[in-house]
C-alpha atoms as a PDB file:
ATOM      1  CA  UNK A   1     -10.137  26.607   0.813  1.00  0.00           C
ATOM      2  CA  UNK A   2      -9.622  25.185   4.235  1.00  0.00           C
ATOM      3  CA  UNK A   3      -6.444  24.123   6.369  1.00  0.00           C
ATOM      4  CA  UNK A   4      -6.943  21.468   8.838  1.00  0.00           C
ATOM      5  CA  UNK A   5      -4.509  20.441  11.571  1.00  0.00           C
ATOM      6  CA  UNK A   6      -4.913  16.822  12.729  1.00  0.00           C
ATOM      7  CA  UNK A   7      -2.970  15.293  15.612  1.00  0.00           C
ATOM      8  CA  UNK A   8      -2.991  11.574  15.266  1.00  0.00           C
ATOM      9  CA  UNK A   9      -2.235   9.594  18.525  1.00  0.00           C
ATOM     10  CA  UNK A  10      -1.809   5.800  18.870  1.00  0.00           C
ATOM     11  CA  UNK A  11       0.850   3.575  17.300  1.00  0.00           C
ATOM     12  CA  UNK A  12       1.659   6.262  14.649  1.00  0.00           C
ATOM     13  CA  UNK A  13       5.316   6.529  14.778  1.00  0.00           C
ATOM     14  CA  UNK A  14       7.714   3.997  13.204  1.00  0.00           C
ATOM     15  CA  UNK A  15       5.071   2.493  11.111  1.00  0.00           C
ATOM     16  CA  UNK A  16       5.402   4.444   7.922  1.00  0.00           C
ATOM     17  CA  UNK A  17       2.608   6.794   8.930  1.00  0.00           C
ATOM     18  CA  UNK A  18       4.229   9.912   7.481  1.00  0.00           C
ATOM     19  CA  UNK A  19       5.113   8.196   4.120  1.00  0.00           C
ATOM     20  CA  UNK A  20       1.603   6.933   3.933  1.00  0.00           C
ATOM     21  CA  UNK A  21       0.113  10.522   4.675  1.00  0.00           C
ATOM     22  CA  UNK A  22       2.265  11.838   1.842  1.00  0.00           C
ATOM     23  CA  UNK A  23       1.053   9.140  -0.504  1.00  0.00           C
ATOM     24  CA  UNK A  24      -2.588   9.740   0.488  1.00  0.00           C
ATOM     25  CA  UNK A  25      -2.185  13.475   0.092  1.00  0.00           C
ATOM     26  CA  UNK A  26      -0.598  12.975  -3.243  1.00  0.00           C
ATOM     27  CA  UNK A  27      -3.743  11.524  -4.656  1.00  0.00           C
ATOM     28  CA  UNK A  28      -5.551  14.806  -4.016  1.00  0.00           C
ATOM     29  CA  UNK A  29      -4.910  18.485  -4.951  1.00  0.00           C
ATOM     30  CA  UNK A  30      -3.660  19.546  -1.480  1.00  0.00           C
ATOM     31  CA  UNK A  31      -0.690  21.063   0.122  1.00  0.00           C
ATOM     32  CA  UNK A  32       0.731  20.918   3.691  1.00  0.00           C
ATOM     33  CA  UNK A  33       2.979  18.776   5.778  1.00  0.00           C
ATOM     34  CA  UNK A  34       3.177  15.943   8.314  1.00  0.00           C
ATOM     35  CA  UNK A  35       5.850  15.388  11.079  1.00  0.00           C
ATOM     36  CA  UNK A  36       6.397  13.293  14.197  1.00  0.00           C
ATOM     37  CA  UNK A  37       6.052  15.098  17.468  1.00  0.00           C
ATOM     38  CA  UNK A  38       8.174  14.448  20.686  1.00  0.00           C
ATOM     39  CA  UNK A  39       5.126  13.094  22.542  1.00  0.00           C
ATOM     40  CA  UNK A  40       4.750  10.120  20.111  1.00  0.00           C
ATOM     41  CA  UNK A  41       1.900  11.752  18.177  1.00  0.00           C
ATOM     42  CA  UNK A  42       1.954  12.754  14.511  1.00  0.00           C
ATOM     43  CA  UNK A  43       0.833  16.259  13.355  1.00  0.00           C
ATOM     44  CA  UNK A  44      -0.540  16.846   9.911  1.00  0.00           C
ATOM     45  CA  UNK A  45      -1.612  20.175   8.340  1.00  0.00           C
ATOM     46  CA  UNK A  46      -3.484  19.769   5.086  1.00  0.00           C
ATOM     47  CA  UNK A  47      -4.878  22.567   2.868  1.00  0.00           C
ATOM     48  CA  UNK A  48      -7.024  22.630  -0.256  1.00  0.00           C
ATOM     49  CA  UNK A  49     -10.744  22.714  -1.201  1.00  0.00           C
ATOM     50  CA  UNK A  50     -12.615  20.968   1.484  1.00  0.00           C
ATOM     51  CA  UNK A  51     -13.496  17.844  -0.418  1.00  0.00           C
ATOM     52  CA  UNK A  52      -9.920  17.411  -1.378  1.00  0.00           C
ATOM     53  CA  UNK A  53      -8.692  17.705   2.218  1.00  0.00           C
ATOM     54  CA  UNK A  54     -11.414  15.407   3.392  1.00  0.00           C
ATOM     55  CA  UNK A  55     -10.415  12.924   0.615  1.00  0.00           C
ATOM     56  CA  UNK A  56      -6.898  12.973   1.685  1.00  0.00           C
ATOM     57  CA  UNK A  57      -7.700  12.332   5.391  1.00  0.00           C
ATOM     58  CA  UNK A  58     -10.247   9.751   4.599  1.00  0.00           C
ATOM     59  CA  UNK A  59      -7.599   7.785   2.486  1.00  0.00           C
ATOM     60  CA  UNK A  60      -5.126   8.028   5.346  1.00  0.00           C
ATOM     61  CA  UNK A  61      -7.731   7.039   7.913  1.00  0.00           C
ATOM     62  CA  UNK A  62      -8.442   3.816   5.787  1.00  0.00           C
ATOM     63  CA  UNK A  63      -4.781   2.956   5.291  1.00  0.00           C
ATOM     64  CA  UNK A  64      -3.852   3.500   8.963  1.00  0.00           C
ATOM     65  CA  UNK A  65      -7.053   2.691  10.786  1.00  0.00           C
ATOM     66  CA  UNK A  66      -5.384   0.003  12.967  1.00  0.00           C
ATOM     67  CA  UNK A  67      -2.735   2.408  14.260  1.00  0.00           C
ATOM     68  CA  UNK A  68      -5.009   5.508  15.010  1.00  0.00           C
ATOM     69  CA  UNK A  69      -6.409   5.482  18.375  1.00  0.00           C
ATOM     70  CA  UNK A  70      -7.388   9.211  18.515  1.00  0.00           C
ATOM     71  CA  UNK A  71      -7.498  12.356  16.259  1.00  0.00           C
ATOM     72  CA  UNK A  72      -7.807  15.925  17.318  1.00  0.00           C
ATOM     73  CA  UNK A  73      -8.908  18.105  14.507  1.00  0.00           C
ATOM     74  CA  UNK A  74      -9.018  21.908  14.032  1.00  0.00           C
ATOM     75  CA  UNK A  75      -9.098  24.574  11.498  1.00  0.00           C
ATOM     76  CA  UNK A  76      -6.302  27.100  11.133  1.00  0.00           C
ATOM     77  CA  UNK A  77      -5.605  30.064   8.955  1.00  0.00           C
ATOM     78  CA  UNK A  78      -4.577  29.299   5.327  1.00  0.00           C
ATOM     79  CA  UNK A  79      -0.813  29.367   4.312  1.00  0.00           C
ATOM     80  CA  UNK A  80      -0.103  31.512   1.334  1.00  0.00           C
ATOM     81  CA  UNK A  81       2.110  30.331  -1.487  1.00  0.00           C
ATOM     82  CA  UNK A  82       2.404  26.677  -0.249  1.00  0.00           C
ATOM     83  CA  UNK A  83       2.984  24.470  -3.257  1.00  0.00           C
ATOM     84  CA  UNK A  84       3.439  20.988  -2.053  1.00  0.00           C
ATOM     85  CA  UNK A  85       2.736  18.412   0.598  1.00  0.00           C
ATOM     86  CA  UNK A  86       5.893  17.248   2.372  1.00  0.00           C
ATOM     87  CA  UNK A  87       7.300  15.249   5.202  1.00  0.00           C
ATOM     88  CA  UNK A  88       8.964  17.397   7.844  1.00  0.00           C
ATOM     89  CA  UNK A  89      11.503  16.034  10.316  1.00  0.00           C
END
């Protein structure tokens, strides 16, 4: 199990980025969340087996490639008892 934090920068707010992230995550056995940040970026935390996490991120990257200018990725500790992937506001 891994938990990745990805900060997406570019034209990532106001373009259904969070809804697309939720849809992409829904296609994989992952949990976590996605939210808009005040600096115009989008923060996503996604947790699951490494192939599932990478699959969800790959699907999002394909779907929103024209909007993403930069990604900052890091691993963080797992969150216990998280059951879904959600959009946070």
